[in-house]
């Protein structure tokens, strides 16, 4: 990585504009062609400096204010199958396995976003029916503390 790569990362770390030429401004700022910017980004991805590009939607701004982490007690031999079903629900944005403990039996977690607590609860019931998993706990978000990635 050289100084131009560092400047490129700083320029894009707060987001890429949703326009037809999203790297045009950064190319101008760094006195590069857009092709050179893309080549540098591709290289940073190949080197593992950039792990992924992703989109983050301000869900609260569009009215999605009910967010629930639902924890599920899933038999170990069914985690892959059940996890795939749960992850297939469009309202589920995250689905992952974690170890259970003697005082915390839940091993599969889903993050659900909806317009109301009641809607979250309805989605959880639908997931329960679809998977046959009836042992779960719903933890509703109270406050959002962070919504940024790593910064240079």
Foldseek 3Di string as FASTA:
>chain_A
DDPLLVLLCQVDQVHFDPDPLRCPVVCVVSVHDSVVSVVSVVVCCVVVVDVDDDDDDPCVVVQFDKKKKKFFQDPPVCCVVLQVLLVPDPQWPDWDFDDADPVGRTTIITMGIGNDPVVVVVVVVVSCVVRVTDDMDIDIDDDDDDDGDDHD
